[in-house]
C-alpha atoms as a PDB file:
ATOM      1  CA  MET A   1      48.260   5.889 -34.066  1.00  0.00           C
ATOM      2  CA  TYR A   2      47.053   5.800 -37.664  1.00  0.00           C
ATOM      3  CA  LEU A   3      44.562   8.525 -38.450  1.00  0.00           C
ATOM      4  CA  LYS A   4      42.523   8.746 -41.609  1.00  0.00           C
ATOM      5  CA  LEU A   5      39.858  11.391 -42.049  1.00  0.00           C
ATOM      6  CA  ILE A   6      37.459  11.064 -44.969  1.00  0.00           C
ATOM      7  CA  ILE A   7      35.376  14.165 -45.626  1.00  0.00           C
ATOM      8  CA  ALA A   8      33.307  14.145 -48.793  1.00  0.00           C
ATOM      9  CA  GLU A   9      32.175  17.742 -48.647  1.00  0.00           C
ATOM     10  CA  LYS A  10      31.272  20.699 -46.469  1.00  0.00           C
ATOM     11  CA  THR A  11      27.931  22.227 -47.350  1.00  0.00           C
ATOM     12  CA  THR A  12      25.439  24.737 -46.019  1.00  0.00           C
ATOM     13  CA  PHE A  13      22.778  22.021 -45.924  1.00  0.00           C
ATOM     14  CA  TYR A  14      22.636  18.363 -46.737  1.00  0.00           C
ATOM     15  CA  ALA A  15      19.745  15.945 -46.282  1.00  0.00           C
ATOM     16  CA  PRO A  16      20.961  12.400 -46.913  1.00  0.00           C
ATOM     17  CA  LYS A  17      18.389   9.710 -47.497  1.00  0.00           C
ATOM     18  CA  MET A  18      19.072   6.763 -45.195  1.00  0.00           C
ATOM     19  CA  LYS A  19      19.633   4.290 -48.034  1.00  0.00           C
ATOM     20  CA  ARG A  20      22.095   6.579 -49.827  1.00  0.00           C
ATOM     21  CA  SER A  21      24.014   7.244 -46.598  1.00  0.00           C
ATOM     22  CA  ARG A  22      24.370   3.530 -45.940  1.00  0.00           C
ATOM     23  CA  GLN A  23      25.668   2.860 -49.432  1.00  0.00           C
ATOM     24  CA  GLN A  24      28.203   5.675 -49.159  1.00  0.00           C
ATOM     25  CA  LEU A  25      29.486   4.331 -45.851  1.00  0.00           C
ATOM     26  CA  ILE A  26      29.673   0.794 -47.235  1.00  0.00           C
ATOM     27  CA  LYS A  27      31.826   2.098 -50.084  1.00  0.00           C
ATOM     28  CA  ALA A  28      34.058   4.040 -47.670  1.00  0.00           C
ATOM     29  CA  LEU A  29      34.461   0.933 -45.482  1.00  0.00           C
ATOM     30  CA  ASN A  30      34.869  -1.562 -48.301  1.00  0.00           C
ATOM     31  CA  HIS A  31      38.535  -2.211 -47.428  1.00  0.00           C
ATOM     32  CA  TYR A  32      37.232  -3.957 -44.281  1.00  0.00           C
ATOM     33  CA  SER A  33      35.049  -6.409 -46.217  1.00  0.00           C
ATOM     34  CA  LYS A  34      35.444  -9.916 -44.746  1.00  0.00           C
ATOM     35  CA  ALA A  35      38.337  -8.675 -42.607  1.00  0.00           C
ATOM     36  CA  VAL A  36      39.485 -10.982 -39.832  1.00  0.00           C
ATOM     37  CA  ASN A  37      38.863  -9.897 -36.223  1.00  0.00           C
ATOM     38  CA  THR A  38      36.712  -6.963 -37.327  1.00  0.00           C
ATOM     39  CA  ILE A  39      33.257  -6.170 -35.965  1.00  0.00           C
ATOM     40  CA  ILE A  40      30.595  -3.557 -36.668  1.00  0.00           C
ATOM     41  CA  ILE A  41      29.308  -1.866 -33.504  1.00  0.00           C
ATOM     42  CA  GLY A  42      25.961  -0.065 -33.694  1.00  0.00           C
ATOM     43  CA  LEU A  43      24.955   2.532 -31.119  1.00  0.00           C
ATOM     44  CA  PRO A  44      21.403   1.918 -29.884  1.00  0.00           C
ATOM     45  CA  ARG A  45      19.105   2.900 -30.900  1.00  0.00           C
ATOM     46  CA  GLY A  46      19.467   5.026 -34.036  1.00  0.00           C
ATOM     47  CA  GLY A  47      22.797   3.634 -35.203  1.00  0.00           C
ATOM     48  CA  VAL A  48      21.735  -0.007 -35.176  1.00  0.00           C
ATOM     49  CA  PRO A  49      19.700  -0.111 -38.448  1.00  0.00           C
ATOM     50  CA  MET A  50      22.552   1.504 -40.370  1.00  0.00           C
ATOM     51  CA  ALA A  51      25.155  -0.700 -38.686  1.00  0.00           C
ATOM     52  CA  SER A  52      23.136  -3.815 -39.557  1.00  0.00           C
ATOM     53  CA  VAL A  53      23.056  -3.041 -43.282  1.00  0.00           C
ATOM     54  CA  ILE A  54      26.780  -2.219 -43.291  1.00  0.00           C
ATOM     55  CA  ALA A  55      27.643  -5.423 -41.415  1.00  0.00           C
ATOM     56  CA  LYS A  56      25.711  -7.574 -43.888  1.00  0.00           C
ATOM     57  CA  ALA A  57      27.191  -5.812 -46.906  1.00  0.00           C
ATOM     58  CA  LEU A  58      30.751  -6.226 -45.602  1.00  0.00           C
ATOM     59  CA  HIS A  59      30.144  -9.780 -44.310  1.00  0.00           C
ATOM     60  CA  LEU A  60      31.121  -8.761 -40.776  1.00  0.00           C
ATOM     61  CA  PRO A  61      29.554  -9.575 -37.399  1.00  0.00           C
ATOM     62  CA  LEU A  62      27.268  -7.021 -35.729  1.00  0.00           C
ATOM     63  CA  ASP A  63      27.100  -6.114 -32.050  1.00  0.00           C
ATOM     64  CA  ILE A  64      26.381  -3.120 -29.821  1.00  0.00           C
ATOM     65  CA  VAL A  65      27.770  -1.014 -27.001  1.00  0.00           C
ATOM     66  CA  VAL A  66      25.321   1.003 -24.924  1.00  0.00           C
ATOM     67  CA  PRO A  67      26.570   4.434 -23.844  1.00  0.00           C
ATOM     68  CA  ARG A  68      23.966   6.980 -22.719  1.00  0.00           C
ATOM     69  CA  LYS A  69      23.700  10.682 -23.341  1.00  0.00           C
ATOM     70  CA  LEU A  70      23.358  13.009 -20.333  1.00  0.00           C
ATOM     71  CA  GLY A  71      20.785  15.625 -21.277  1.00  0.00           C
ATOM     72  CA  ALA A  72      20.849  19.232 -20.125  1.00  0.00           C
ATOM     73  CA  PRO A  73      18.200  20.463 -17.665  1.00  0.00           C
ATOM     74  CA  PHE A  74      17.065  23.097 -20.151  1.00  0.00           C
ATOM     75  CA  ASN A  75      16.963  20.669 -23.118  1.00  0.00           C
ATOM     76  CA  GLU A  76      17.302  16.913 -22.635  1.00  0.00           C
ATOM     77  CA  GLU A  77      18.308  16.505 -26.284  1.00  0.00           C
ATOM     78  CA  TYR A  78      21.410  18.668 -25.718  1.00  0.00           C
ATOM     79  CA  ALA A  79      24.238  16.557 -24.302  1.00  0.00           C
ATOM     80  CA  ILE A  80      26.184  17.866 -21.324  1.00  0.00           C
ATOM     81  CA  GLY A  81      28.107  14.615 -21.425  1.00  0.00           C
ATOM     82  CA  ALA A  82      27.530  10.869 -21.549  1.00  0.00           C
ATOM     83  CA  ILE A  83      28.241   7.688 -19.636  1.00  0.00           C
ATOM     84  CA  THR A  84      30.085   4.647 -20.896  1.00  0.00           C
ATOM     85  CA  GLU A  85      28.441   1.246 -20.964  1.00  0.00           C
ATOM     86  CA  ASP A  86      30.039   0.644 -17.554  1.00  0.00           C
ATOM     87  CA  GLY A  87      28.585   3.853 -16.139  1.00  0.00           C
ATOM     88  CA  GLU A  88      31.665   6.091 -16.170  1.00  0.00           C
ATOM     89  CA  PRO A  89      30.743   9.728 -16.890  1.00  0.00           C
ATOM     90  CA  ILE A  90      32.370  11.864 -19.582  1.00  0.00           C
ATOM     91  CA  LEU A  91      31.322  15.473 -19.024  1.00  0.00           C
ATOM     92  CA  ASN A  92      31.473  18.724 -20.967  1.00  0.00           C
ATOM     93  CA  ALA A  93      33.165  20.803 -18.270  1.00  0.00           C
ATOM     94  CA  THR A  94      32.378  24.054 -20.061  1.00  0.00           C
ATOM     95  CA  VAL A  95      28.645  23.407 -19.708  1.00  0.00           C
ATOM     96  CA  THR A  96      28.447  21.398 -16.485  1.00  0.00           C
ATOM     97  CA  GLY A  97      30.262  24.107 -14.518  1.00  0.00           C
ATOM     98  CA  ALA A  98      27.087  26.186 -14.705  1.00  0.00           C
ATOM     99  CA  ILE A  99      24.716  23.346 -13.765  1.00  0.00           C
ATOM    100  CA  ASP A 100      23.773  22.344 -10.234  1.00  0.00           C
ATOM    101  CA  GLN A 101      25.755  19.304  -9.132  1.00  0.00           C
ATOM    102  CA  SER A 102      22.659  17.615  -7.728  1.00  0.00           C
ATOM    103  CA  TYR A 103      21.132  17.599 -11.219  1.00  0.00           C
ATOM    104  CA  ILE A 104      24.313  16.137 -12.722  1.00  0.00           C
ATOM    105  CA  ASP A 105      24.449  13.389 -10.083  1.00  0.00           C
ATOM    106  CA  SER A 106      20.762  12.635 -10.617  1.00  0.00           C
ATOM    107  CA  VAL A 107      20.941  12.373 -14.421  1.00  0.00           C
ATOM    108  CA  ILE A 108      24.075  10.210 -14.245  1.00  0.00           C
ATOM    109  CA  GLU A 109      22.324   7.757 -11.945  1.00  0.00           C
ATOM    110  CA  GLU A 110      19.197   7.783 -14.090  1.00  0.00           C
ATOM    111  CA  GLU A 111      21.146   7.027 -17.255  1.00  0.00           C
ATOM    112  CA  ARG A 112      23.228   4.331 -15.567  1.00  0.00           C
ATOM    113  CA  THR A 113      19.994   2.557 -14.726  1.00  0.00           C
ATOM    114  CA  GLU A 114      18.696   3.005 -18.271  1.00  0.00           C
ATOM    115  CA  ALA A 115      21.955   1.738 -19.783  1.00  0.00           C
ATOM    116  CA  GLN A 116      21.752  -1.438 -17.721  1.00  0.00           C
ATOM    117  CA  ARG A 117      18.080  -1.886 -18.636  1.00  0.00           C
ATOM    118  CA  ARG A 118      18.886  -1.626 -22.320  1.00  0.00           C
ATOM    119  CA  LEU A 119      21.869  -3.929 -22.041  1.00  0.00           C
ATOM    120  CA  GLN A 120      19.648  -6.541 -20.462  1.00  0.00           C
ATOM    121  CA  ILE A 121      16.851  -6.357 -23.013  1.00  0.00           C
ATOM    122  CA  PHE A 122      19.157  -6.025 -26.032  1.00  0.00           C
ATOM    123  CA  ARG A 123      21.698  -8.692 -25.074  1.00  0.00           C
ATOM    124  CA  GLY A 124      19.513 -11.053 -23.071  1.00  0.00           C
ATOM    125  CA  ASP A 125      21.564 -14.175 -22.374  1.00  0.00           C
ATOM    126  CA  THR A 126      24.271 -13.246 -24.893  1.00  0.00           C
ATOM    127  CA  PRO A 127      27.698 -13.049 -23.205  1.00  0.00           C
ATOM    128  CA  SER A 128      29.237  -9.650 -22.550  1.00  0.00           C
ATOM    129  CA  LEU A 129      31.003  -8.221 -25.600  1.00  0.00           C
ATOM    130  CA  ASP A 130      34.759  -8.874 -25.730  1.00  0.00           C
ATOM    131  CA  LEU A 131      36.675  -6.815 -28.284  1.00  0.00           C
ATOM    132  CA  THR A 132      40.157  -8.120 -27.457  1.00  0.00           C
ATOM    133  CA  ASP A 133      42.471  -7.815 -30.488  1.00  0.00           C
ATOM    134  CA  THR A 134      39.632  -6.690 -32.773  1.00  0.00           C
ATOM    135  CA  THR A 135      39.041  -3.725 -35.034  1.00  0.00           C
ATOM    136  CA  ALA A 136      35.818  -2.168 -33.778  1.00  0.00           C
ATOM    137  CA  ILE A 137      33.957  -0.073 -36.360  1.00  0.00           C
ATOM    138  CA  ILE A 138      31.507   2.093 -34.416  1.00  0.00           C
ATOM    139  CA  VAL A 139      28.531   3.248 -36.488  1.00  0.00           C
ATOM    140  CA  ASP A 140      25.909   5.860 -35.653  1.00  0.00           C
ATOM    141  CA  ASP A 141      23.418   7.913 -37.657  1.00  0.00           C
ATOM    142  CA  GLY A 142      25.387  11.104 -36.995  1.00  0.00           C
ATOM    143  CA  ILE A 143      27.438  13.025 -34.441  1.00  0.00           C
ATOM    144  CA  ALA A 144      26.376  16.328 -32.849  1.00  0.00           C
ATOM    145  CA  THR A 145      28.113  17.134 -29.534  1.00  0.00           C
ATOM    146  CA  GLY A 146      29.922  13.802 -29.727  1.00  0.00           C
ATOM    147  CA  TYR A 147      29.781  12.854 -26.058  1.00  0.00           C
ATOM    148  CA  THR A 148      27.798   9.672 -26.663  1.00  0.00           C
ATOM    149  CA  MET A 149      30.336   8.649 -29.309  1.00  0.00           C
ATOM    150  CA  GLU A 150      33.194   9.546 -26.969  1.00  0.00           C
ATOM    151  CA  ALA A 151      31.641   7.269 -24.330  1.00  0.00           C
ATOM    152  CA  ALA A 152      31.323   4.523 -26.963  1.00  0.00           C
ATOM    153  CA  ILE A 153      35.016   4.917 -27.817  1.00  0.00           C
ATOM    154  CA  ALA A 154      35.898   4.626 -24.118  1.00  0.00           C
ATOM    155  CA  SER A 155      33.673   1.535 -23.828  1.00  0.00           C
ATOM    156  CA  ALA A 156      35.418  -0.102 -26.795  1.00  0.00           C
ATOM    157  CA  ARG A 157      38.837   0.638 -25.321  1.00  0.00           C
ATOM    158  CA  HIS A 158      37.719  -0.803 -21.984  1.00  0.00           C
ATOM    159  CA  LYS A 159      36.717  -3.966 -23.872  1.00  0.00           C
ATOM    160  CA  ASN A 160      40.291  -4.153 -25.240  1.00  0.00           C
ATOM    161  CA  ALA A 161      39.676  -3.206 -28.881  1.00  0.00           C
ATOM    162  CA  LYS A 162      42.953  -3.130 -30.798  1.00  0.00           C
ATOM    163  CA  ARG A 163      41.775  -0.518 -33.307  1.00  0.00           C
ATOM    164  CA  ILE A 164      38.755   1.773 -33.278  1.00  0.00           C
ATOM    165  CA  VAL A 165      37.126   3.185 -36.395  1.00  0.00           C
ATOM    166  CA  ILE A 166      34.257   5.679 -36.418  1.00  0.00           C
ATOM    167  CA  ALA A 167      31.856   5.662 -39.391  1.00  0.00           C
ATOM    168  CA  VAL A 168      29.034   8.195 -39.632  1.00  0.00           C
ATOM    169  CA  PRO A 169      27.225   9.878 -42.528  1.00  0.00           C
ATOM    170  CA  VAL A 170      27.184  13.353 -40.983  1.00  0.00           C
ATOM    171  CA  GLY A 171      28.820  15.213 -38.096  1.00  0.00           C
ATOM    172  CA  ALA A 172      29.516  18.628 -36.642  1.00  0.00           C
ATOM    173  CA  SER A 173      32.963  19.705 -37.842  1.00  0.00           C
ATOM    174  CA  ASP A 174      34.264  20.857 -34.447  1.00  0.00           C
ATOM    175  CA  THR A 175      33.155  17.590 -32.858  1.00  0.00           C
ATOM    176  CA  ILE A 176      34.768  15.495 -35.596  1.00  0.00           C
ATOM    177  CA  GLU A 177      37.982  17.445 -35.078  1.00  0.00           C
ATOM    178  CA  ARG A 178      37.844  16.739 -31.318  1.00  0.00           C
ATOM    179  CA  LEU A 179      37.170  13.012 -31.708  1.00  0.00           C
ATOM    180  CA  THR A 180      39.590  12.199 -34.538  1.00  0.00           C
ATOM    181  CA  PRO A 181      42.734  11.983 -32.341  1.00  0.00           C
ATOM    182  CA  GLN A 182      40.909   9.504 -30.083  1.00  0.00           C
ATOM    183  CA  VAL A 183      40.505   6.849 -32.799  1.00  0.00           C
ATOM    184  CA  ASP A 184      42.542   5.062 -35.437  1.00  0.00           C
ATOM    185  CA  GLU A 185      40.317   5.993 -38.364  1.00  0.00           C
ATOM    186  CA  MET A 186      37.545   8.553 -38.727  1.00  0.00           C
ATOM    187  CA  ILE A 187      35.078   8.334 -41.606  1.00  0.00           C
ATOM    188  CA  CYS A 188      32.585  11.184 -41.744  1.00  0.00           C
ATOM    189  CA  LEU A 189      30.948  11.725 -45.107  1.00  0.00           C
ATOM    190  CA  HIS A 190      29.564  15.209 -44.520  1.00  0.00           C
ATOM    191  CA  GLN A 191      30.309  18.102 -42.167  1.00  0.00           C
ATOM    192  CA  PRO A 192      27.573  20.640 -42.908  1.00  0.00           C
ATOM    193  CA  MET A 193      27.769  24.232 -41.783  1.00  0.00           C
ATOM    194  CA  ASN A 194      25.185  25.495 -39.292  1.00  0.00           C
ATOM    195  CA  PHE A 195      24.960  22.091 -37.606  1.00  0.00           C
ATOM    196  CA  ALA A 196      22.251  22.059 -34.929  1.00  0.00           C
ATOM    197  CA  ALA A 197      21.096  18.427 -34.655  1.00  0.00           C
ATOM    198  CA  VAL A 198      21.539  15.158 -36.537  1.00  0.00           C
ATOM    199  CA  GLY A 199      17.863  14.985 -37.490  1.00  0.00           C
ATOM    200  CA  GLN A 200      17.973  18.171 -39.550  1.00  0.00           C
ATOM    201  CA  PHE A 201      20.132  16.434 -42.159  1.00  0.00           C
ATOM    202  CA  TYR A 202      17.687  13.607 -42.874  1.00  0.00           C
ATOM    203  CA  ASP A 203      14.647  13.738 -45.124  1.00  0.00           C
ATOM    204  CA  THR A 204      12.995  11.354 -42.638  1.00  0.00           C
ATOM    205  CA  PHE A 205      14.327  10.878 -39.106  1.00  0.00           C
ATOM    206  CA  LEU A 206      12.191   8.362 -37.251  1.00  0.00           C
ATOM    207  CA  GLN A 207      13.032   7.095 -33.769  1.00  0.00           C
ATOM    208  CA  THR A 208      14.210   3.478 -33.631  1.00  0.00           C
ATOM    209  CA  SER A 209      12.355   1.444 -31.002  1.00  0.00           C
ATOM    210  CA  ASP A 210      13.741  -1.081 -28.514  1.00  0.00           C
ATOM    211  CA  GLU A 211      11.806  -3.764 -30.384  1.00  0.00           C
ATOM    212  CA  GLU A 212      13.504  -2.885 -33.682  1.00  0.00           C
ATOM    213  CA  VAL A 213      16.936  -3.141 -32.050  1.00  0.00           C
ATOM    214  CA  ILE A 214      16.065  -6.506 -30.494  1.00  0.00           C
ATOM    215  CA  GLN A 215      14.792  -7.841 -33.840  1.00  0.00           C
ATOM    216  CA  THR A 216      17.828  -6.561 -35.710  1.00  0.00           C
ATOM    217  CA  LEU A 217      20.196  -8.277 -33.291  1.00  0.00           C
ATOM    218  CA  ALA A 218      18.150 -11.469 -33.451  1.00  0.00           C
ATOM    219  CA  ASN A 219      18.519 -11.535 -37.261  1.00  0.00           C
ATOM    220  CA  ARG A 220      22.236 -10.774 -37.467  1.00  0.00           C
END
């Protein structure tokens, strides 16, 4: 497996503007411009706007996979794991061992339902994504615990991707280290110290709506 890790810098704090982050990722991914059998995969919802700009700049098709984070009972924004697009759970055993199993079962079922809802509204009548023999470049706005990205990687493998590339502007260093062996190429522009959440590294971090994702996919 070919591994390439691009780290621009490690800093105590970094607040990338969205436009600058996109341009940096486009530059880092430029060797894929107009590549055959290569597709940009955005993670709904936050990764889709960035993935769309990258896809257009590199003249590559855009699509999505829809994993879902499993939030902790004490903080739904903190991931105790995630499910793949097909509903298979990937759990953080260190954390879930201290959580009641009934809660885990409940949140898995809830997120399976939500994943299917989003797949339906985002894809509509579009055929299910087939990544056979492709290079799948998975783009998100950042990586914190990494379980949603890990579920996206598993989803891409299940769809028979030949190579998987991760491209993000910012990520927690321990998470990037954990995920790198799972993919063929890892591009992470910044690994700040004192990483708490993706949003802290953006000057503006607005939530992407379902409608924005639908419109973006309609205009690809």
